[in-house]
Amino acid sequence: MGNLFANMHVATVGAIAGVALGLVLVIFEYSMLKRLAERRAVQKGRKVVEMDPTERKQFMGMVKFSFFLPPGFALLAWMFWG
């Protein structure tokens, strides 16, 4: 199969790495916040699991940050290896 990224531009490889890291961060943040909300629901005796407003803001902050990762990684890859 050869090197998958050999014929790609360096900035494209950086952007792909940024997308991958962004997805991992968002999935990890969501699972951690969901787990905290589930624990809180069990402690309060509720059956419906909901994130509170601060957790929603924290999650949306991570989502917004993950939008800046691909261009940032592309720029850094272009600057260092391009």
PDB file of N, CA and C in Angstrom:
ATOM      1  N   MET A   1       0.831  -1.189   0.000  1.00  0.00           N
ATOM      2  CA  MET A   1       0.000   0.000   0.000  1.00  0.00           C
ATOM      3  C   MET A   1       0.870   1.245   0.000  1.00  0.00           C
ATOM      4  N   GLY A   2       2.054   1.168   0.564  1.00  0.00           N
ATOM      5  CA  GLY A   2       2.946   2.317   0.540  1.00  0.00           C
ATOM      6  C   GLY A   2       2.578   3.339   1.598  1.00  0.00           C
ATOM      7  N   ASN A   3       3.223   4.459   1.497  1.00  0.00           N
ATOM      8  CA  ASN A   3       2.963   5.532   2.446  1.00  0.00           C
ATOM      9  C   ASN A   3       1.718   6.296   2.013  1.00  0.00           C
ATOM     10  N   LEU A   4       0.703   6.295   2.836  1.00  0.00           N
ATOM     11  CA  LEU A   4      -0.575   6.911   2.499  1.00  0.00           C
ATOM     12  C   LEU A   4      -0.453   8.417   2.337  1.00  0.00           C
ATOM     13  N   PHE A   5       0.406   9.039   3.134  1.00  0.00           N
ATOM     14  CA  PHE A   5       0.499  10.490   3.131  1.00  0.00           C
ATOM     15  C   PHE A   5       1.668  11.016   2.299  1.00  0.00           C
ATOM     16  N   ALA A   6       2.332  10.175   1.540  1.00  0.00           N
ATOM     17  CA  ALA A   6       3.528  10.589   0.810  1.00  0.00           C
ATOM     18  C   ALA A   6       3.219  11.611  -0.275  1.00  0.00           C
ATOM     19  N   ASN A   7       2.098  11.485  -0.939  1.00  0.00           N
ATOM     20  CA  ASN A   7       1.785  12.375  -2.049  1.00  0.00           C
ATOM     21  C   ASN A   7       0.912  13.558  -1.641  1.00  0.00           C
ATOM     22  N   MET A   8       0.570  13.673  -0.365  1.00  0.00           N
ATOM     23  CA  MET A   8      -0.264  14.782   0.090  1.00  0.00           C
ATOM     24  C   MET A   8       0.594  15.978   0.457  1.00  0.00           C
ATOM     25  N   HIS A   9       0.007  17.140   0.326  1.00  0.00           N
ATOM     26  CA  HIS A   9       0.685  18.357   0.761  1.00  0.00           C
ATOM     27  C   HIS A   9       0.807  18.329   2.281  1.00  0.00           C
ATOM     28  N   VAL A  10       1.854  18.942   2.781  1.00  0.00           N
ATOM     29  CA  VAL A  10       2.134  18.906   4.221  1.00  0.00           C
ATOM     30  C   VAL A  10       1.001  19.547   5.015  1.00  0.00           C
ATOM     31  N   ALA A  11       0.431  20.624   4.499  1.00  0.00           N
ATOM     32  CA  ALA A  11      -0.665  21.288   5.208  1.00  0.00           C
ATOM     33  C   ALA A  11      -1.906  20.392   5.281  1.00  0.00           C
ATOM     34  N   THR A  12      -2.122  19.596   4.242  1.00  0.00           N
ATOM     35  CA  THR A  12      -3.266  18.669   4.250  1.00  0.00           C
ATOM     36  C   THR A  12      -3.082  17.606   5.320  1.00  0.00           C
ATOM     37  N   VAL A  13      -1.881  17.104   5.450  1.00  0.00           N
ATOM     38  CA  VAL A  13      -1.603  16.105   6.490  1.00  0.00           C
ATOM     39  C   VAL A  13      -1.797  16.727   7.873  1.00  0.00           C
ATOM     40  N   GLY A  14      -1.355  17.967   8.047  1.00  0.00           N
ATOM     41  CA  GLY A  14      -1.560  18.666   9.317  1.00  0.00           C
ATOM     42  C   GLY A  14      -3.034  18.876   9.622  1.00  0.00           C
ATOM     43  N   ALA A  15      -3.806  19.223   8.599  1.00  0.00           N
ATOM     44  CA  ALA A  15      -5.244  19.412   8.790  1.00  0.00           C
ATOM     45  C   ALA A  15      -5.930  18.103   9.165  1.00  0.00           C
ATOM     46  N   ILE A  16      -5.525  17.013   8.539  1.00  0.00           N
ATOM     47  CA  ILE A  16      -6.101  15.707   8.883  1.00  0.00           C
ATOM     48  C   ILE A  16      -5.767  15.346  10.326  1.00  0.00           C
ATOM     49  N   ALA A  17      -4.540  15.632  10.741  1.00  0.00           N
ATOM     50  CA  ALA A  17      -4.168  15.373  12.136  1.00  0.00           C
ATOM     51  C   ALA A  17      -4.984  16.254  13.086  1.00  0.00           C
ATOM     52  N   GLY A  18      -5.239  17.500  12.692  1.00  0.00           N
ATOM     53  CA  GLY A  18      -6.065  18.389  13.515  1.00  0.00           C
ATOM     54  C   GLY A  18      -7.498  17.905  13.640  1.00  0.00           C
ATOM     55  N   VAL A  19      -8.051  17.408  12.559  1.00  0.00           N
ATOM     56  CA  VAL A  19      -9.419  16.870  12.598  1.00  0.00           C
ATOM     57  C   VAL A  19      -9.476  15.653  13.512  1.00  0.00           C
ATOM     58  N   ALA A  20      -8.493  14.776  13.384  1.00  0.00           N
ATOM     59  CA  ALA A  20      -8.468  13.569  14.221  1.00  0.00           C
ATOM     60  C   ALA A  20      -8.352  13.934  15.699  1.00  0.00           C
ATOM     61  N   LEU A  21      -7.459  14.849  16.025  1.00  0.00           N
ATOM     62  CA  LEU A  21      -7.306  15.263  17.416  1.00  0.00           C
ATOM     63  C   LEU A  21      -8.559  15.962  17.925  1.00  0.00           C
ATOM     64  N   GLY A  22      -9.177  16.782  17.088  1.00  0.00           N
ATOM     65  CA  GLY A  22     -10.413  17.454  17.483  1.00  0.00           C
ATOM     66  C   GLY A  22     -11.531  16.472  17.792  1.00  0.00           C
ATOM     67  N   LEU A  23     -11.667  15.459  16.959  1.00  0.00           N
ATOM     68  CA  LEU A  23     -12.697  14.442  17.209  1.00  0.00           C
ATOM     69  C   LEU A  23     -12.433  13.685  18.506  1.00  0.00           C
ATOM     70  N   VAL A  24     -11.186  13.327  18.726  1.00  0.00           N
ATOM     71  CA  VAL A  24     -10.847  12.605  19.957  1.00  0.00           C
ATOM     72  C   VAL A  24     -11.150  13.472  21.182  1.00  0.00           C
ATOM     73  N   LEU A  25     -10.787  14.739  21.132  1.00  0.00           N
ATOM     74  CA  LEU A  25     -11.037  15.627  22.270  1.00  0.00           C
ATOM     75  C   LEU A  25     -12.528  15.815  22.538  1.00  0.00           C
ATOM     76  N   VAL A  26     -13.311  15.998  21.478  1.00  0.00           N
ATOM     77  CA  VAL A  26     -14.756  16.201  21.652  1.00  0.00           C
ATOM     78  C   VAL A  26     -15.411  14.936  22.198  1.00  0.00           C
ATOM     79  N   ILE A  27     -15.049  13.784  21.671  1.00  0.00           N
ATOM     80  CA  ILE A  27     -15.631  12.527  22.158  1.00  0.00           C
ATOM     81  C   ILE A  27     -15.250  12.287  23.615  1.00  0.00           C
ATOM     82  N   PHE A  28     -13.987  12.532  23.959  1.00  0.00           N
ATOM     83  CA  PHE A  28     -13.546  12.349  25.339  1.00  0.00           C
ATOM     84  C   PHE A  28     -14.260  13.313  26.285  1.00  0.00           C
ATOM     85  N   GLU A  29     -14.384  14.572  25.886  1.00  0.00           N
ATOM     86  CA  GLU A  29     -15.064  15.566  26.733  1.00  0.00           C
ATOM     87  C   GLU A  29     -16.529  15.195  26.942  1.00  0.00           C
ATOM     88  N   TYR A  30     -17.194  14.769  25.871  1.00  0.00           N
ATOM     89  CA  TYR A  30     -18.602  14.387  25.985  1.00  0.00           C
ATOM     90  C   TYR A  30     -18.770  13.197  26.917  1.00  0.00           C
ATOM     91  N   SER A  31     -17.908  12.196  26.783  1.00  0.00           N
ATOM     92  CA  SER A  31     -18.054  11.009  27.631  1.00  0.00           C
ATOM     93  C   SER A  31     -17.794  11.344  29.102  1.00  0.00           C
ATOM     94  N   MET A  32     -16.819  12.219  29.359  1.00  0.00           N
ATOM     95  CA  MET A  32     -16.540  12.596  30.749  1.00  0.00           C
ATOM     96  C   MET A  32     -17.706  13.391  31.351  1.00  0.00           C
ATOM     97  N   LEU A  33     -18.233  14.345  30.600  1.00  0.00           N
ATOM     98  CA  LEU A  33     -19.341  15.144  31.112  1.00  0.00           C
ATOM     99  C   LEU A  33     -20.608  14.309  31.259  1.00  0.00           C
ATOM    100  N   LYS A  34     -20.828  13.393  30.353  1.00  0.00           N
ATOM    101  CA  LYS A  34     -21.998  12.505  30.451  1.00  0.00           C
ATOM    102  C   LYS A  34     -21.891  11.609  31.689  1.00  0.00           C
ATOM    103  N   ARG A  35     -20.682  11.118  31.949  1.00  0.00           N
ATOM    104  CA  ARG A  35     -20.472  10.276  33.129  1.00  0.00           C
ATOM    105  C   ARG A  35     -20.723  11.064  34.419  1.00  0.00           C
ATOM    106  N   LEU A  36     -20.250  12.313  34.466  1.00  0.00           N
ATOM    107  CA  LEU A  36     -20.509  13.145  35.644  1.00  0.00           C
ATOM    108  C   LEU A  36     -21.998  13.416  35.827  1.00  0.00           C
ATOM    109  N   ALA A  37     -22.691  13.671  34.719  1.00  0.00           N
ATOM    110  CA  ALA A  37     -24.130  13.920  34.804  1.00  0.00           C
ATOM    111  C   ALA A  37     -24.875  12.662  35.258  1.00  0.00           C
ATOM    112  N   GLU A  38     -24.447  11.504  34.816  1.00  0.00           N
ATOM    113  CA  GLU A  38     -25.088  10.262  35.251  1.00  0.00           C
ATOM    114  C   GLU A  38     -24.873  10.028  36.743  1.00  0.00           C
ATOM    115  N   ARG A  39     -23.668  10.287  37.229  1.00  0.00           N
ATOM    116  CA  ARG A  39     -23.405  10.135  38.664  1.00  0.00           C
ATOM    117  C   ARG A  39     -24.262  11.087  39.486  1.00  0.00           C
ATOM    118  N   ARG A  40     -24.374  12.317  39.016  1.00  0.00           N
ATOM    119  CA  ARG A  40     -25.182  13.297  39.730  1.00  0.00           C
ATOM    120  C   ARG A  40     -26.663  12.903  39.730  1.00  0.00           C
ATOM    121  N   ALA A  41     -27.146  12.348  38.618  1.00  0.00           N
ATOM    122  CA  ALA A  41     -28.540  11.908  38.542  1.00  0.00           C
ATOM    123  C   ALA A  41     -28.791  10.757  39.505  1.00  0.00           C
ATOM    124  N   VAL A  42     -27.844   9.834  39.630  1.00  0.00           N
ATOM    125  CA  VAL A  42     -28.002   8.716  40.562  1.00  0.00           C
ATOM    126  C   VAL A  42     -28.004   9.225  41.998  1.00  0.00           C
ATOM    127  N   GLN A  43     -27.132  10.170  42.306  1.00  0.00           N
ATOM    128  CA  GLN A  43     -27.070  10.704  43.668  1.00  0.00           C
ATOM    129  C   GLN A  43     -28.354  11.439  44.045  1.00  0.00           C
ATOM    130  N   LYS A  44     -28.959  12.116  43.074  1.00  0.00           N
ATOM    131  CA  LYS A  44     -30.195  12.854  43.355  1.00  0.00           C
ATOM    132  C   LYS A  44     -31.441  11.996  43.163  1.00  0.00           C
ATOM    133  N   GLY A  45     -31.272  10.776  42.697  1.00  0.00           N
ATOM    134  CA  GLY A  45     -32.401   9.865  42.530  1.00  0.00           C
ATOM    135  C   GLY A  45     -33.245  10.162  41.306  1.00  0.00           C
ATOM    136  N   ARG A  46     -32.665  10.752  40.302  1.00  0.00           N
ATOM    137  CA  ARG A  46     -33.411  11.072  39.082  1.00  0.00           C
ATOM    138  C   ARG A  46     -33.165   9.995  38.034  1.00  0.00           C
ATOM    139  N   LYS A  47     -34.150   9.851  37.149  1.00  0.00           N
ATOM    140  CA  LYS A  47     -33.999   8.885  36.067  1.00  0.00           C
ATOM    141  C   LYS A  47     -33.547   9.560  34.772  1.00  0.00           C
ATOM    142  N   VAL A  48     -33.805  10.866  34.648  1.00  0.00           N
ATOM    143  CA  VAL A  48     -33.415  11.610  33.455  1.00  0.00           C
ATOM    144  C   VAL A  48     -32.037  12.215  33.686  1.00  0.00           C
ATOM    145  N   VAL A  49     -31.127  11.945  32.774  1.00  0.00           N
ATOM    146  CA  VAL A  49     -29.757  12.451  32.881  1.00  0.00           C
ATOM    147  C   VAL A  49     -29.638  13.690  32.012  1.00  0.00           C
ATOM    148  N   GLU A  50     -29.301  14.825  32.654  1.00  0.00           N
ATOM    149  CA  GLU A  50     -29.130  16.076  31.915  1.00  0.00           C
ATOM    150  C   GLU A  50     -27.855  16.768  32.375  1.00  0.00           C
ATOM    151  N   MET A  51     -27.185  17.386  31.423  1.00  0.00           N
ATOM    152  CA  MET A  51     -26.023  18.193  31.772  1.00  0.00           C
ATOM    153  C   MET A  51     -26.498  19.562  32.237  1.00  0.00           C
ATOM    154  N   ASP A  52     -25.820  20.112  33.238  1.00  0.00           N
ATOM    155  CA  ASP A  52     -26.189  21.447  33.686  1.00  0.00           C
ATOM    156  C   ASP A  52     -25.601  22.490  32.730  1.00  0.00           C
ATOM    157  N   PRO A  53     -26.019  23.756  32.865  1.00  0.00           N
ATOM    158  CA  PRO A  53     -25.561  24.782  31.910  1.00  0.00           C
ATOM    159  C   PRO A  53     -24.046  24.968  31.862  1.00  0.00           C
ATOM    160  N   THR A  54     -23.366  24.827  32.978  1.00  0.00           N
ATOM    161  CA  THR A  54     -21.909  24.997  32.939  1.00  0.00           C
ATOM    162  C   THR A  54     -21.247  23.861  32.169  1.00  0.00           C
ATOM    163  N   GLU A  55     -21.780  22.661  32.290  1.00  0.00           N
ATOM    164  CA  GLU A  55     -21.236  21.534  31.527  1.00  0.00           C
ATOM    165  C   GLU A  55     -21.508  21.693  30.036  1.00  0.00           C
ATOM    166  N   ARG A  56     -22.675  22.216  29.699  1.00  0.00           N
ATOM    167  CA  ARG A  56     -22.979  22.470  28.287  1.00  0.00           C
ATOM    168  C   ARG A  56     -22.037  23.519  27.712  1.00  0.00           C
ATOM    169  N   LYS A  57     -21.780  24.575  28.496  1.00  0.00           N
ATOM    170  CA  LYS A  57     -20.855  25.618  28.039  1.00  0.00           C
ATOM    171  C   LYS A  57     -19.442  25.048  27.885  1.00  0.00           C
ATOM    172  N   GLN A  58     -19.048  24.198  28.806  1.00  0.00           N
ATOM    173  CA  GLN A  58     -17.722  23.577  28.730  1.00  0.00           C
ATOM    174  C   GLN A  58     -17.620  22.715  27.475  1.00  0.00           C
ATOM    175  N   PHE A  59     -18.657  21.949  27.190  1.00  0.00           N
ATOM    176  CA  PHE A  59     -18.645  21.090  26.007  1.00  0.00           C
ATOM    177  C   PHE A  59     -18.634  21.929  24.727  1.00  0.00           C
ATOM    178  N   MET A  60     -19.444  22.969  24.678  1.00  0.00           N
ATOM    179  CA  MET A  60     -19.469  23.806  23.489  1.00  0.00           C
ATOM    180  C   MET A  60     -18.151  24.547  23.302  1.00  0.00           C
ATOM    181  N   GLY A  61     -17.480  24.880  24.401  1.00  0.00           N
ATOM    182  CA  GLY A  61     -16.154  25.474  24.290  1.00  0.00           C
ATOM    183  C   GLY A  61     -15.168  24.520  23.651  1.00  0.00           C
ATOM    184  N   MET A  62     -15.254  23.254  24.005  1.00  0.00           N
ATOM    185  CA  MET A  62     -14.371  22.252  23.395  1.00  0.00           C
ATOM    186  C   MET A  62     -14.703  22.061  21.920  1.00  0.00           C
ATOM    187  N   VAL A  63     -15.985  22.090  21.570  1.00  0.00           N
ATOM    188  CA  VAL A  63     -16.387  21.964  20.168  1.00  0.00           C
ATOM    189  C   VAL A  63     -15.851  23.148  19.365  1.00  0.00           C
ATOM    190  N   LYS A  64     -15.987  24.352  19.914  1.00  0.00           N
ATOM    191  CA  LYS A  64     -15.475  25.536  19.214  1.00  0.00           C
ATOM    192  C   LYS A  64     -13.959  25.478  19.077  1.00  0.00           C
ATOM    193  N   PHE A  65     -13.275  25.017  20.116  1.00  0.00           N
ATOM    194  CA  PHE A  65     -11.821  24.882  20.050  1.00  0.00           C
ATOM    195  C   PHE A  65     -11.415  23.878  18.986  1.00  0.00           C
ATOM    196  N   SER A  66     -12.190  22.806  18.852  1.00  0.00           N
ATOM    197  CA  SER A  66     -11.830  21.770  17.881  1.00  0.00           C
ATOM    198  C   SER A  66     -11.985  22.262  16.441  1.00  0.00           C
ATOM    199  N   PHE A  67     -12.775  23.321  16.219  1.00  0.00           N
ATOM    200  CA  PHE A  67     -12.869  23.893  14.877  1.00  0.00           C
ATOM    201  C   PHE A  67     -11.584  24.615  14.480  1.00  0.00           C
ATOM    202  N   PHE A  68     -10.825  25.097  15.450  1.00  0.00           N
ATOM    203  CA  PHE A  68      -9.590  25.812  15.157  1.00  0.00           C
ATOM    204  C   PHE A  68      -8.384  24.882  15.053  1.00  0.00           C
ATOM    205  N   LEU A  69      -8.522  23.646  15.459  1.00  0.00           N
ATOM    206  CA  LEU A  69      -7.394  22.722  15.392  1.00  0.00           C
ATOM    207  C   LEU A  69      -6.941  22.396  13.962  1.00  0.00           C
ATOM    208  N   PRO A  70      -7.829  22.046  13.023  1.00  0.00           N
ATOM    209  CA  PRO A  70      -7.340  21.713  11.673  1.00  0.00           C
ATOM    210  C   PRO A  70      -6.584  22.854  10.991  1.00  0.00           C
ATOM    211  N   PRO A  71      -7.123  24.091  10.986  1.00  0.00           N
ATOM    212  CA  PRO A  71      -6.313  25.153  10.355  1.00  0.00           C
ATOM    213  C   PRO A  71      -5.016  25.422  11.108  1.00  0.00           C
ATOM    214  N   GLY A  72      -5.063  25.323  12.429  1.00  0.00           N
ATOM    215  CA  GLY A  72      -3.855  25.543  13.216  1.00  0.00           C
ATOM    216  C   GLY A  72      -2.802  24.486  12.960  1.00  0.00           C
ATOM    217  N   PHE A  73      -3.215  23.230  12.913  1.00  0.00           N
ATOM    218  CA  PHE A  73      -2.269  22.149  12.630  1.00  0.00           C
ATOM    219  C   PHE A  73      -1.746  22.249  11.191  1.00  0.00           C
ATOM    220  N   ALA A  74      -2.613  22.642  10.262  1.00  0.00           N
ATOM    221  CA  ALA A  74      -2.171  22.802   8.878  1.00  0.00           C
ATOM    222  C   ALA A  74      -1.127  23.905   8.782  1.00  0.00           C
ATOM    223  N   LEU A  75      -1.360  25.013   9.460  1.00  0.00           N
ATOM    224  CA  LEU A  75      -0.401  26.117   9.456  1.00  0.00           C
ATOM    225  C   LEU A  75       0.914  25.717  10.084  1.00  0.00           C
ATOM    226  N   LEU A  76       0.845  25.046  11.227  1.00  0.00           N
ATOM    227  CA  LEU A  76       2.077  24.615  11.891  1.00  0.00           C
ATOM    228  C   LEU A  76       2.857  23.603  11.056  1.00  0.00           C
ATOM    229  N   ALA A  77       2.149  22.667  10.443  1.00  0.00           N
ATOM    230  CA  ALA A  77       2.831  21.681   9.602  1.00  0.00           C
ATOM    231  C   ALA A  77       3.473  22.357   8.398  1.00  0.00           C
ATOM    232  N   TRP A  78       2.779  23.311   7.831  1.00  0.00           N
ATOM    233  CA  TRP A  78       3.325  24.034   6.683  1.00  0.00           C
ATOM    234  C   TRP A  78       4.552  24.843   7.091  1.00  0.00           C
ATOM    235  N   MET A  79       4.493  25.471   8.286  1.00  0.00           N
ATOM    236  CA  MET A  79       5.616  26.287   8.746  1.00  0.00           C
ATOM    237  C   MET A  79       6.842  25.440   9.078  1.00  0.00           C
ATOM    238  N   PHE A  80       6.646  24.293   9.733  1.00  0.00           N
ATOM    239  CA  PHE A  80       7.774  23.497  10.177  1.00  0.00           C
ATOM    240  C   PHE A  80       8.309  22.541   9.107  1.00  0.00           C
ATOM    241  N   TRP A  81       7.408  21.933   8.312  1.00  0.00           N
ATOM    242  CA  TRP A  81       7.853  20.917   7.365  1.00  0.00           C
ATOM    243  C   TRP A  81       7.630  21.293   5.904  1.00  0.00           C
ATOM    244  N   GLY A  82       6.959  22.405   5.662  1.00  0.00           N
ATOM    245  CA  GLY A  82       6.652  22.780   4.292  1.00  0.00           C
ATOM    246  C   GLY A  82       7.684  23.589   3.680  1.00  0.00           C
TER     247      GLY A  82
END
